[in-house]
Amino acid sequence: MKRGLILLLVFLLSMSLVSAFQAEYEPVQSEALPGGGVSYTLHLQNNEQESHTALIKSVDLNWLLEQDEIRVEVPSGEKKDVTLTFKPLGKISPGRYGIKIIVELVGPKTRLERILSATVVDYKKVLEASFTSLPILDPKRTTLSKLKLTNKNNVLLDNVDIEIRSSQFESKQKLNLGKREEKEIEIPLTLPSDTMKGDYKLNVKATLGENQLLDKEFMYTVGEYEDVKQVIEPQGSFLIGGESITLKNEGNSQVEQLYTKEFDYFAYKFATFDPEPTRVTNSDGIYLVEWNYALQPGQSRIISLKIK
């Protein structure tokens, strides 16, 4: 009976001691890219009537405490904060980890175990990109687009190479992103003037050193514009007058247009045309000669007329 009371008393005293000396932690940098380290603040609270010396060590197989063993003197009724920094042992795959630490008090048989939460971030999941402005592109002028980049994790991204590429243009920039920072960059896009209208693909790539963070595809639209140039050259010889009209489509879409020419009665009667007009109408002795034509981008057409 007496022995049982003694054991119960020892047990209650040990429980009191454990609850009187407390060890809690707070993350400082609990997320890291592969190969990066993590750190924490360990709060030691001594509610005992006497001072205690705490030994802090780690027995984790994946993370190495940078100090072999930490010894901290915590006076009675006081609190001490200790910074714990860990580096990975070898190459650790992305994922969540628990780092086991032990806090032992010198003298009394008190042992506290804590599991520190750590996350190794996948390079390919740390960055997000979206265009906040990507208007229809005009081949005749430079268009300003806006790309938003978001660091989704609590890690630093310094000297990130951003490359935007398509079959018509290429742009490169360097960028720094803080922890969970969002940043918008402006990208001037200039197309070759002969770019055809339609939908195209562009690719956004982001790399950190040799590690790829992002490889994402977007669609953009090139608008259409019409630009038919007209060049008239006089042509003729003795008793023969005339001209050659060159029509060239310098736009990026097919055009269907009408070319017209007016003649009086005598000029029309003595005129020849190549090609033949699409239609001819007569109004009060004035002949309106018309040619309908269709031109693909870059295509030319020549209309010749001679008057004897």
C-alpha atoms as a PDB file:
ATOM      1  CA  MET A   1       0.000   0.000   0.000  1.00  0.00           C
ATOM      2  CA  LYS A   2       2.792   2.407   0.996  1.00  0.00           C
ATOM      3  CA  ARG A   3       4.798   1.466  -2.097  1.00  0.00           C
ATOM      4  CA  GLY A   4       1.809   2.240  -4.315  1.00  0.00           C
ATOM      5  CA  LEU A   5       1.407   5.689  -2.741  1.00  0.00           C
ATOM      6  CA  ILE A   6       5.083   6.436  -3.339  1.00  0.00           C
ATOM      7  CA  LEU A   7       4.831   5.469  -7.024  1.00  0.00           C
ATOM      8  CA  LEU A   8       1.719   7.596  -7.457  1.00  0.00           C
ATOM      9  CA  LEU A   9       3.484  10.561  -5.825  1.00  0.00           C
ATOM     10  CA  VAL A  10       6.504  10.201  -8.141  1.00  0.00           C
ATOM     11  CA  PHE A  11       4.231  10.044 -11.170  1.00  0.00           C
ATOM     12  CA  LEU A  12       2.317  13.176 -10.135  1.00  0.00           C
ATOM     13  CA  LEU A  13       5.561  15.045  -9.483  1.00  0.00           C
ATOM     14  CA  SER A  14       6.949  14.119 -12.893  1.00  0.00           C
ATOM     15  CA  MET A  15       3.720  15.240 -14.560  1.00  0.00           C
ATOM     16  CA  SER A  16       3.925  18.516 -12.680  1.00  0.00           C
ATOM     17  CA  LEU A  17       7.507  19.004 -13.815  1.00  0.00           C
ATOM     18  CA  VAL A  18       6.676  18.334 -17.450  1.00  0.00           C
ATOM     19  CA  SER A  19       3.800  20.767 -17.445  1.00  0.00           C
ATOM     20  CA  ALA A  20       5.891  23.381 -15.574  1.00  0.00           C
ATOM     21  CA  PHE A  21       8.679  23.486 -18.188  1.00  0.00           C
ATOM     22  CA  GLN A  22       7.222  24.177 -21.614  1.00  0.00           C
ATOM     23  CA  ALA A  23       8.671  24.123 -25.133  1.00  0.00           C
ATOM     24  CA  GLU A  24       6.668  25.515 -28.056  1.00  0.00           C
ATOM     25  CA  TYR A  25       7.833  26.539 -31.517  1.00  0.00           C
ATOM     26  CA  GLU A  26       6.993  29.161 -34.124  1.00  0.00           C
ATOM     27  CA  PRO A  27       7.988  28.870 -37.824  1.00  0.00           C
ATOM     28  CA  VAL A  28      10.377  31.476 -39.179  1.00  0.00           C
ATOM     29  CA  GLN A  29      10.968  29.825 -42.557  1.00  0.00           C
ATOM     30  CA  SER A  30       9.158  26.498 -42.736  1.00  0.00           C
ATOM     31  CA  GLU A  31       9.016  26.357 -46.564  1.00  0.00           C
ATOM     32  CA  ALA A  32      12.052  25.860 -48.777  1.00  0.00           C
ATOM     33  CA  LEU A  33      12.971  25.028 -52.345  1.00  0.00           C
ATOM     34  CA  PRO A  34      14.840  21.731 -52.829  1.00  0.00           C
ATOM     35  CA  GLY A  35      18.256  22.085 -51.191  1.00  0.00           C
ATOM     36  CA  GLY A  36      17.202  25.064 -49.070  1.00  0.00           C
ATOM     37  CA  GLY A  37      17.117  25.288 -45.293  1.00  0.00           C
ATOM     38  CA  VAL A  38      14.336  25.962 -42.776  1.00  0.00           C
ATOM     39  CA  SER A  39      14.325  27.764 -39.417  1.00  0.00           C
ATOM     40  CA  TYR A  40      12.161  28.104 -36.312  1.00  0.00           C
ATOM     41  CA  THR A  41      11.992  29.945 -33.017  1.00  0.00           C
ATOM     42  CA  LEU A  42      11.742  27.639 -30.001  1.00  0.00           C
ATOM     43  CA  HIS A  43      10.087  29.249 -26.972  1.00  0.00           C
ATOM     44  CA  LEU A  44      11.261  27.767 -23.656  1.00  0.00           C
ATOM     45  CA  GLN A  45       9.176  28.689 -20.577  1.00  0.00           C
ATOM     46  CA  ASN A  46      10.388  27.731 -17.085  1.00  0.00           C
ATOM     47  CA  ASN A  47       7.557  27.817 -14.549  1.00  0.00           C
ATOM     48  CA  GLU A  48       9.597  25.865 -11.975  1.00  0.00           C
ATOM     49  CA  GLN A  49      10.897  27.233  -8.695  1.00  0.00           C
ATOM     50  CA  GLU A  50      14.501  26.683  -9.796  1.00  0.00           C
ATOM     51  CA  SER A  51      16.613  27.360 -12.881  1.00  0.00           C
ATOM     52  CA  HIS A  52      17.058  24.652 -15.494  1.00  0.00           C
ATOM     53  CA  THR A  53      19.525  23.984 -18.251  1.00  0.00           C
ATOM     54  CA  ALA A  54      17.891  22.700 -21.424  1.00  0.00           C
ATOM     55  CA  LEU A  55      19.718  20.638 -24.030  1.00  0.00           C
ATOM     56  CA  ILE A  56      18.232  20.845 -27.529  1.00  0.00           C
ATOM     57  CA  LYS A  57      19.149  18.319 -30.185  1.00  0.00           C
ATOM     58  CA  SER A  58      17.714  16.750 -33.305  1.00  0.00           C
ATOM     59  CA  VAL A  59      17.558  13.087 -34.217  1.00  0.00           C
ATOM     60  CA  ASP A  60      15.903  13.560 -37.606  1.00  0.00           C
ATOM     61  CA  LEU A  61      17.146  11.501 -40.562  1.00  0.00           C
ATOM     62  CA  ASN A  62      16.326  14.099 -43.256  1.00  0.00           C
ATOM     63  CA  TRP A  63      17.284  17.399 -41.608  1.00  0.00           C
ATOM     64  CA  LEU A  64      20.492  18.383 -39.837  1.00  0.00           C
ATOM     65  CA  LEU A  65      20.494  20.922 -37.003  1.00  0.00           C
ATOM     66  CA  GLU A  66      23.303  23.346 -37.863  1.00  0.00           C
ATOM     67  CA  GLN A  67      24.461  23.364 -34.203  1.00  0.00           C
ATOM     68  CA  ASP A  68      25.331  19.888 -32.919  1.00  0.00           C
ATOM     69  CA  GLU A  69      23.757  20.570 -29.545  1.00  0.00           C
ATOM     70  CA  ILE A  70      22.275  23.699 -28.038  1.00  0.00           C
ATOM     71  CA  ARG A  71      22.526  24.334 -24.285  1.00  0.00           C
ATOM     72  CA  VAL A  72      20.270  27.050 -22.846  1.00  0.00           C
ATOM     73  CA  GLU A  73      20.037  28.271 -19.251  1.00  0.00           C
ATOM     74  CA  VAL A  74      16.459  29.224 -18.376  1.00  0.00           C
ATOM     75  CA  PRO A  75      16.062  30.930 -14.953  1.00  0.00           C
ATOM     76  CA  SER A  76      13.000  30.249 -12.849  1.00  0.00           C
ATOM     77  CA  GLY A  77       9.885  32.021 -14.078  1.00  0.00           C
ATOM     78  CA  GLU A  78      11.564  33.246 -17.265  1.00  0.00           C
ATOM     79  CA  LYS A  79      11.268  32.581 -20.998  1.00  0.00           C
ATOM     80  CA  LYS A  80      14.064  32.073 -23.512  1.00  0.00           C
ATOM     81  CA  ASP A  81      13.788  32.057 -27.320  1.00  0.00           C
ATOM     82  CA  VAL A  82      16.157  29.907 -29.348  1.00  0.00           C
ATOM     83  CA  THR A  83      16.596  29.985 -33.138  1.00  0.00           C
ATOM     84  CA  LEU A  84      16.854  26.540 -34.712  1.00  0.00           C
ATOM     85  CA  THR A  85      18.177  26.284 -38.270  1.00  0.00           C
ATOM     86  CA  PHE A  86      18.156  23.072 -40.286  1.00  0.00           C
ATOM     87  CA  LYS A  87      19.649  22.103 -43.612  1.00  0.00           C
ATOM     88  CA  PRO A  88      18.590  19.051 -45.643  1.00  0.00           C
ATOM     89  CA  LEU A  89      20.676  15.901 -45.603  1.00  0.00           C
ATOM     90  CA  GLY A  90      21.194  15.225 -49.290  1.00  0.00           C
ATOM     91  CA  LYS A  91      18.507  15.785 -51.898  1.00  0.00           C
ATOM     92  CA  ILE A  92      15.023  15.797 -50.400  1.00  0.00           C
ATOM     93  CA  SER A  93      12.012  15.379 -52.669  1.00  0.00           C
ATOM     94  CA  PRO A  94       9.203  17.968 -52.569  1.00  0.00           C
ATOM     95  CA  GLY A  95       6.614  17.260 -49.892  1.00  0.00           C
ATOM     96  CA  ARG A  96       5.747  17.791 -46.234  1.00  0.00           C
ATOM     97  CA  TYR A  97       8.080  16.690 -43.451  1.00  0.00           C
ATOM     98  CA  GLY A  98       8.174  16.570 -39.657  1.00  0.00           C
ATOM     99  CA  ILE A  99      11.521  17.427 -38.021  1.00  0.00           C
ATOM    100  CA  LYS A 100      11.871  15.745 -34.647  1.00  0.00           C
ATOM    101  CA  ILE A 101      13.680  17.622 -31.865  1.00  0.00           C
ATOM    102  CA  ILE A 102      14.317  16.689 -28.232  1.00  0.00           C
ATOM    103  CA  VAL A 103      14.509  19.087 -25.294  1.00  0.00           C
ATOM    104  CA  GLU A 104      16.125  17.514 -22.196  1.00  0.00           C
ATOM    105  CA  LEU A 105      16.570  19.162 -18.816  1.00  0.00           C
ATOM    106  CA  VAL A 106      19.924  18.623 -17.127  1.00  0.00           C
ATOM    107  CA  GLY A 107      19.344  16.992 -13.742  1.00  0.00           C
ATOM    108  CA  PRO A 108      15.679  16.007 -13.581  1.00  0.00           C
ATOM    109  CA  LYS A 109      14.646  13.251 -15.954  1.00  0.00           C
ATOM    110  CA  THR A 110      12.554  15.466 -18.170  1.00  0.00           C
ATOM    111  CA  ARG A 111      12.425  14.909 -21.887  1.00  0.00           C
ATOM    112  CA  LEU A 112      10.191  16.846 -24.280  1.00  0.00           C
ATOM    113  CA  GLU A 113       9.752  15.884 -27.930  1.00  0.00           C
ATOM    114  CA  ARG A 114       8.446  18.224 -30.592  1.00  0.00           C
ATOM    115  CA  ILE A 115       7.746  17.746 -34.307  1.00  0.00           C
ATOM    116  CA  LEU A 116       8.488  20.826 -36.435  1.00  0.00           C
ATOM    117  CA  SER A 117       6.460  21.038 -39.645  1.00  0.00           C
ATOM    118  CA  ALA A 118       8.493  21.664 -42.841  1.00  0.00           C
ATOM    119  CA  THR A 119       7.567  21.816 -46.531  1.00  0.00           C
ATOM    120  CA  VAL A 120       9.862  21.336 -49.525  1.00  0.00           C
ATOM    121  CA  VAL A 121       8.294  23.164 -52.459  1.00  0.00           C
ATOM    122  CA  ASP A 122       8.241  21.732 -55.971  1.00  0.00           C
ATOM    123  CA  TYR A 123       9.965  24.110 -58.415  1.00  0.00           C
ATOM    124  CA  LYS A 124       7.193  23.584 -60.954  1.00  0.00           C
ATOM    125  CA  LYS A 125       4.438  24.532 -58.503  1.00  0.00           C
ATOM    126  CA  VAL A 126       5.837  27.715 -56.989  1.00  0.00           C
ATOM    127  CA  LEU A 127       4.950  30.198 -59.752  1.00  0.00           C
ATOM    128  CA  GLU A 128       1.681  31.138 -61.455  1.00  0.00           C
ATOM    129  CA  ALA A 129       1.255  33.335 -64.569  1.00  0.00           C
ATOM    130  CA  SER A 130      -1.693  35.015 -66.251  1.00  0.00           C
ATOM    131  CA  PHE A 131      -2.159  37.899 -68.681  1.00  0.00           C
ATOM    132  CA  THR A 132      -4.141  40.783 -67.230  1.00  0.00           C
ATOM    133  CA  SER A 133      -3.992  42.535 -70.609  1.00  0.00           C
ATOM    134  CA  LEU A 134      -3.434  40.840 -73.954  1.00  0.00           C
ATOM    135  CA  PRO A 135      -5.409  42.838 -76.550  1.00  0.00           C
ATOM    136  CA  ILE A 136      -5.825  41.992 -80.218  1.00  0.00           C
ATOM    137  CA  LEU A 137      -2.421  42.657 -81.764  1.00  0.00           C
ATOM    138  CA  ASP A 138      -2.001  45.058 -84.666  1.00  0.00           C
ATOM    139  CA  PRO A 139       0.925  44.245 -86.995  1.00  0.00           C
ATOM    140  CA  LYS A 140       1.276  47.948 -87.834  1.00  0.00           C
ATOM    141  CA  ARG A 141       2.172  49.050 -84.295  1.00  0.00           C
ATOM    142  CA  THR A 142       3.644  47.854 -80.983  1.00  0.00           C
ATOM    143  CA  THR A 143       1.097  46.525 -78.485  1.00  0.00           C
ATOM    144  CA  LEU A 144       1.674  46.686 -74.721  1.00  0.00           C
ATOM    145  CA  SER A 145       0.629  43.546 -72.857  1.00  0.00           C
ATOM    146  CA  LYS A 146       0.662  42.924 -69.090  1.00  0.00           C
ATOM    147  CA  LEU A 147       1.699  39.643 -67.461  1.00  0.00           C
ATOM    148  CA  LYS A 148       0.946  38.903 -63.798  1.00  0.00           C
ATOM    149  CA  LEU A 149       3.320  36.563 -61.962  1.00  0.00           C
ATOM    150  CA  THR A 150       2.457  35.177 -58.518  1.00  0.00           C
ATOM    151  CA  ASN A 151       4.826  33.496 -56.055  1.00  0.00           C
ATOM    152  CA  LYS A 152       2.482  31.020 -54.348  1.00  0.00           C
ATOM    153  CA  ASN A 153       4.823  30.066 -51.514  1.00  0.00           C
ATOM    154  CA  ASN A 154       6.750  31.528 -48.606  1.00  0.00           C
ATOM    155  CA  VAL A 155      10.106  31.387 -50.413  1.00  0.00           C
ATOM    156  CA  LEU A 156      12.269  33.991 -52.129  1.00  0.00           C
ATOM    157  CA  LEU A 157      12.608  33.896 -55.912  1.00  0.00           C
ATOM    158  CA  ASP A 158      15.589  36.003 -56.994  1.00  0.00           C
ATOM    159  CA  ASN A 159      16.904  36.453 -60.552  1.00  0.00           C
ATOM    160  CA  VAL A 160      14.087  34.579 -62.259  1.00  0.00           C
ATOM    161  CA  ASP A 161      14.469  34.541 -66.054  1.00  0.00           C
ATOM    162  CA  ILE A 162      11.176  35.236 -67.849  1.00  0.00           C
ATOM    163  CA  GLU A 163      10.940  34.418 -71.562  1.00  0.00           C
ATOM    164  CA  ILE A 164       7.900  35.114 -73.756  1.00  0.00           C
ATOM    165  CA  ARG A 165       8.153  33.595 -77.221  1.00  0.00           C
ATOM    166  CA  SER A 166       5.970  32.997 -80.264  1.00  0.00           C
ATOM    167  CA  SER A 167       6.532  32.497 -83.990  1.00  0.00           C
ATOM    168  CA  GLN A 168       6.413  36.311 -84.443  1.00  0.00           C
ATOM    169  CA  PHE A 169       8.243  37.757 -81.426  1.00  0.00           C
ATOM    170  CA  GLU A 170      10.469  37.113 -78.423  1.00  0.00           C
ATOM    171  CA  SER A 171      10.892  39.006 -75.129  1.00  0.00           C
ATOM    172  CA  LYS A 172      13.156  38.347 -72.119  1.00  0.00           C
ATOM    173  CA  GLN A 173      13.231  39.879 -68.634  1.00  0.00           C
ATOM    174  CA  LYS A 174      14.723  39.226 -65.174  1.00  0.00           C
ATOM    175  CA  LEU A 175      12.511  39.366 -62.113  1.00  0.00           C
ATOM    176  CA  ASN A 176      12.716  39.166 -58.307  1.00  0.00           C
ATOM    177  CA  LEU A 177       9.701  37.968 -56.335  1.00  0.00           C
ATOM    178  CA  GLY A 178       9.412  38.120 -52.557  1.00  0.00           C
ATOM    179  CA  LYS A 179       7.574  35.631 -50.407  1.00  0.00           C
ATOM    180  CA  ARG A 180       4.016  35.216 -51.706  1.00  0.00           C
ATOM    181  CA  GLU A 181       4.505  38.337 -53.796  1.00  0.00           C
ATOM    182  CA  GLU A 182       2.455  39.196 -56.870  1.00  0.00           C
ATOM    183  CA  LYS A 183       3.981  41.354 -59.582  1.00  0.00           C
ATOM    184  CA  GLU A 184       2.783  42.664 -62.947  1.00  0.00           C
ATOM    185  CA  ILE A 185       5.243  43.314 -65.768  1.00  0.00           C
ATOM    186  CA  GLU A 186       4.692  45.140 -69.048  1.00  0.00           C
ATOM    187  CA  ILE A 187       5.755  43.451 -72.273  1.00  0.00           C
ATOM    188  CA  PRO A 188       5.855  45.395 -75.574  1.00  0.00           C
ATOM    189  CA  LEU A 189       4.932  43.081 -78.464  1.00  0.00           C
ATOM    190  CA  THR A 190       5.955  43.994 -82.011  1.00  0.00           C
ATOM    191  CA  LEU A 191       4.873  41.820 -84.947  1.00  0.00           C
ATOM    192  CA  PRO A 192       6.256  41.634 -88.478  1.00  0.00           C
ATOM    193  CA  SER A 193       4.092  43.840 -90.702  1.00  0.00           C
ATOM    194  CA  ASP A 194       3.150  40.897 -92.925  1.00  0.00           C
ATOM    195  CA  THR A 195       1.714  38.801 -90.080  1.00  0.00           C
ATOM    196  CA  MET A 196      -1.580  37.246 -91.163  1.00  0.00           C
ATOM    197  CA  LYS A 197      -4.721  37.703 -89.124  1.00  0.00           C
ATOM    198  CA  GLY A 198      -5.757  34.776 -86.918  1.00  0.00           C
ATOM    199  CA  ASP A 199      -5.107  33.063 -83.584  1.00  0.00           C
ATOM    200  CA  TYR A 200      -1.577  32.154 -82.502  1.00  0.00           C
ATOM    201  CA  LYS A 201       0.173  30.488 -79.570  1.00  0.00           C
ATOM    202  CA  LEU A 202       2.706  32.112 -77.277  1.00  0.00           C
ATOM    203  CA  ASN A 203       4.749  30.431 -74.578  1.00  0.00           C
ATOM    204  CA  VAL A 204       5.779  31.850 -71.191  1.00  0.00           C
ATOM    205  CA  LYS A 205       8.782  30.210 -69.537  1.00  0.00           C
ATOM    206  CA  ALA A 206      10.337  30.993 -66.160  1.00  0.00           C
ATOM    207  CA  THR A 207      13.602  29.508 -64.885  1.00  0.00           C
ATOM    208  CA  LEU A 208      15.583  29.878 -61.666  1.00  0.00           C
ATOM    209  CA  GLY A 209      19.151  28.928 -62.450  1.00  0.00           C
ATOM    210  CA  GLU A 210      18.870  25.514 -64.105  1.00  0.00           C
ATOM    211  CA  ASN A 211      15.438  24.799 -62.617  1.00  0.00           C
ATOM    212  CA  GLN A 212      12.292  25.382 -64.633  1.00  0.00           C
ATOM    213  CA  LEU A 213       9.516  27.094 -62.681  1.00  0.00           C
ATOM    214  CA  LEU A 214       6.951  27.597 -65.425  1.00  0.00           C
ATOM    215  CA  ASP A 215       6.198  26.541 -68.986  1.00  0.00           C
ATOM    216  CA  LYS A 216       2.727  27.738 -69.944  1.00  0.00           C
ATOM    217  CA  GLU A 217       0.963  28.312 -73.259  1.00  0.00           C
ATOM    218  CA  PHE A 218      -1.413  31.167 -74.065  1.00  0.00           C
ATOM    219  CA  MET A 219      -3.392  32.193 -77.153  1.00  0.00           C
ATOM    220  CA  TYR A 220      -3.375  35.638 -78.761  1.00  0.00           C
ATOM    221  CA  THR A 221      -5.189  37.142 -81.740  1.00  0.00           C
ATOM    222  CA  VAL A 222      -3.775  39.182 -84.604  1.00  0.00           C
ATOM    223  CA  GLY A 223      -6.331  41.595 -85.986  1.00  0.00           C
ATOM    224  CA  GLU A 224      -6.949  42.233 -89.671  1.00  0.00           C
ATOM    225  CA  TYR A 225      -6.285  45.424 -91.596  1.00  0.00           C
ATOM    226  CA  GLU A 226      -6.683  46.415 -95.240  1.00  0.00           C
ATOM    227  CA  ASP A 227      -3.985  48.327 -97.081  1.00  0.00           C
ATOM    228  CA  VAL A 228      -4.206  48.362-100.891  1.00  0.00           C
ATOM    229  CA  LYS A 229      -1.503  50.455-102.551  1.00  0.00           C
ATOM    230  CA  GLN A 230      -2.144  51.940-105.987  1.00  0.00           C
ATOM    231  CA  VAL A 231       0.647  52.927-108.397  1.00  0.00           C
ATOM    232  CA  ILE A 232      -0.217  54.562-111.757  1.00  0.00           C
ATOM    233  CA  GLU A 233       2.436  54.692-114.496  1.00  0.00           C
ATOM    234  CA  PRO A 234       1.866  56.503-117.813  1.00  0.00           C
ATOM    235  CA  GLN A 235       2.343  54.306-120.869  1.00  0.00           C
ATOM    236  CA  GLY A 236       2.117  55.269-124.534  1.00  0.00           C
ATOM    237  CA  SER A 237       3.801  55.819-127.871  1.00  0.00           C
ATOM    238  CA  PHE A 238       3.141  57.789-131.077  1.00  0.00           C
ATOM    239  CA  LEU A 239      -0.633  58.440-131.325  1.00  0.00           C
ATOM    240  CA  ILE A 240      -1.274  56.045-128.416  1.00  0.00           C
ATOM    241  CA  GLY A 241      -1.836  57.110-124.804  1.00  0.00           C
ATOM    242  CA  GLY A 242      -2.505  55.039-121.761  1.00  0.00           C
ATOM    243  CA  GLU A 243      -1.498  54.000-118.286  1.00  0.00           C
ATOM    244  CA  SER A 244      -0.763  50.990-116.159  1.00  0.00           C
ATOM    245  CA  ILE A 245      -2.415  50.713-112.737  1.00  0.00           C
ATOM    246  CA  THR A 246      -0.776  48.369-110.216  1.00  0.00           C
ATOM    247  CA  LEU A 247      -2.900  47.391-107.221  1.00  0.00           C
ATOM    248  CA  LYS A 248      -1.081  45.633-104.377  1.00  0.00           C
ATOM    249  CA  ASN A 249      -2.546  44.270-101.135  1.00  0.00           C
ATOM    250  CA  GLU A 250      -0.104  45.176 -98.357  1.00  0.00           C
ATOM    251  CA  GLY A 251      -2.583  44.289 -95.612  1.00  0.00           C
ATOM    252  CA  ASN A 252      -2.883  40.966 -93.797  1.00  0.00           C
ATOM    253  CA  SER A 253      -6.299  39.832 -95.059  1.00  0.00           C
ATOM    254  CA  GLN A 254      -7.978  39.212 -98.405  1.00  0.00           C
ATOM    255  CA  VAL A 255      -9.606  42.264 -99.979  1.00  0.00           C
ATOM    256  CA  GLU A 256     -12.412  42.463-102.515  1.00  0.00           C
ATOM    257  CA  GLN A 257     -12.631  45.917-104.001  1.00  0.00           C
ATOM    258  CA  LEU A 258     -13.801  47.872-107.038  1.00  0.00           C
ATOM    259  CA  TYR A 259     -11.573  49.991-109.291  1.00  0.00           C
ATOM    260  CA  THR A 260     -13.352  52.544-111.520  1.00  0.00           C
ATOM    261  CA  LYS A 261     -12.365  54.841-114.377  1.00  0.00           C
ATOM    262  CA  GLU A 262     -14.460  57.399-116.323  1.00  0.00           C
ATOM    263  CA  PHE A 263     -14.176  58.055-120.072  1.00  0.00           C
ATOM    264  CA  ASP A 264     -15.978  60.373-122.448  1.00  0.00           C
ATOM    265  CA  TYR A 265     -17.539  58.976-125.591  1.00  0.00           C
ATOM    266  CA  PHE A 266     -14.531  59.254-127.941  1.00  0.00           C
ATOM    267  CA  ALA A 267     -11.936  58.105-125.362  1.00  0.00           C
ATOM    268  CA  TYR A 268     -14.000  55.020-124.556  1.00  0.00           C
ATOM    269  CA  LYS A 269     -14.579  54.128-128.223  1.00  0.00           C
ATOM    270  CA  PHE A 270     -10.847  54.168-128.936  1.00  0.00           C
ATOM    271  CA  ALA A 271      -9.759  52.469-125.702  1.00  0.00           C
ATOM    272  CA  THR A 272      -8.607  48.917-125.083  1.00  0.00           C
ATOM    273  CA  PHE A 273      -8.418  47.269-121.651  1.00  0.00           C
ATOM    274  CA  ASP A 274      -6.428  44.386-120.146  1.00  0.00           C
ATOM    275  CA  PRO A 275      -8.090  42.671-118.440  1.00  0.00           C
ATOM    276  CA  GLU A 276     -11.559  43.361-119.735  1.00  0.00           C
ATOM    277  CA  PRO A 277     -13.737  45.387-117.366  1.00  0.00           C
ATOM    278  CA  THR A 278     -16.230  43.655-115.111  1.00  0.00           C
ATOM    279  CA  ARG A 279     -18.951  46.071-116.257  1.00  0.00           C
ATOM    280  CA  VAL A 280     -19.403  49.306-118.198  1.00  0.00           C
ATOM    281  CA  THR A 281     -22.271  51.762-117.669  1.00  0.00           C
ATOM    282  CA  ASN A 282     -23.172  54.837-119.732  1.00  0.00           C
ATOM    283  CA  SER A 283     -24.732  57.908-118.147  1.00  0.00           C
ATOM    284  CA  ASP A 284     -25.255  61.002-120.323  1.00  0.00           C
ATOM    285  CA  GLY A 285     -22.294  60.179-122.525  1.00  0.00           C
ATOM    286  CA  ILE A 286     -19.935  59.382-119.666  1.00  0.00           C
ATOM    287  CA  TYR A 287     -18.753  55.796-119.539  1.00  0.00           C
ATOM    288  CA  LEU A 288     -18.016  54.319-116.126  1.00  0.00           C
ATOM    289  CA  VAL A 289     -15.640  51.358-116.467  1.00  0.00           C
ATOM    290  CA  GLU A 290     -15.383  49.032-113.440  1.00  0.00           C
ATOM    291  CA  TRP A 291     -13.113  46.192-112.431  1.00  0.00           C
ATOM    292  CA  ASN A 292     -13.938  43.911-109.491  1.00  0.00           C
ATOM    293  CA  TYR A 293     -10.900  42.221-108.032  1.00  0.00           C
ATOM    294  CA  ALA A 294      -9.858  40.080-105.059  1.00  0.00           C
ATOM    295  CA  LEU A 295      -6.330  40.146-103.681  1.00  0.00           C
ATOM    296  CA  GLN A 296      -4.704  37.893-101.131  1.00  0.00           C
ATOM    297  CA  PRO A 297      -2.140  39.479 -98.749  1.00  0.00           C
ATOM    298  CA  GLY A 298       0.956  40.382-100.759  1.00  0.00           C
ATOM    299  CA  GLN A 299      -0.782  39.787-104.104  1.00  0.00           C
ATOM    300  CA  SER A 300      -0.731  42.346-106.952  1.00  0.00           C
ATOM    301  CA  ARG A 301      -2.916  43.000-109.999  1.00  0.00           C
ATOM    302  CA  ILE A 302      -2.172  45.179-113.042  1.00  0.00           C
ATOM    303  CA  ILE A 303      -4.831  46.933-115.102  1.00  0.00           C
ATOM    304  CA  SER A 304      -3.632  48.324-118.469  1.00  0.00           C
ATOM    305  CA  LEU A 305      -5.567  50.704-120.689  1.00  0.00           C
ATOM    306  CA  LYS A 306      -4.611  52.236-124.025  1.00  0.00           C
ATOM    307  CA  ILE A 307      -6.316  54.944-126.064  1.00  0.00           C
ATOM    308  CA  LYS A 308      -5.510  55.317-129.781  1.00  0.00           C
END
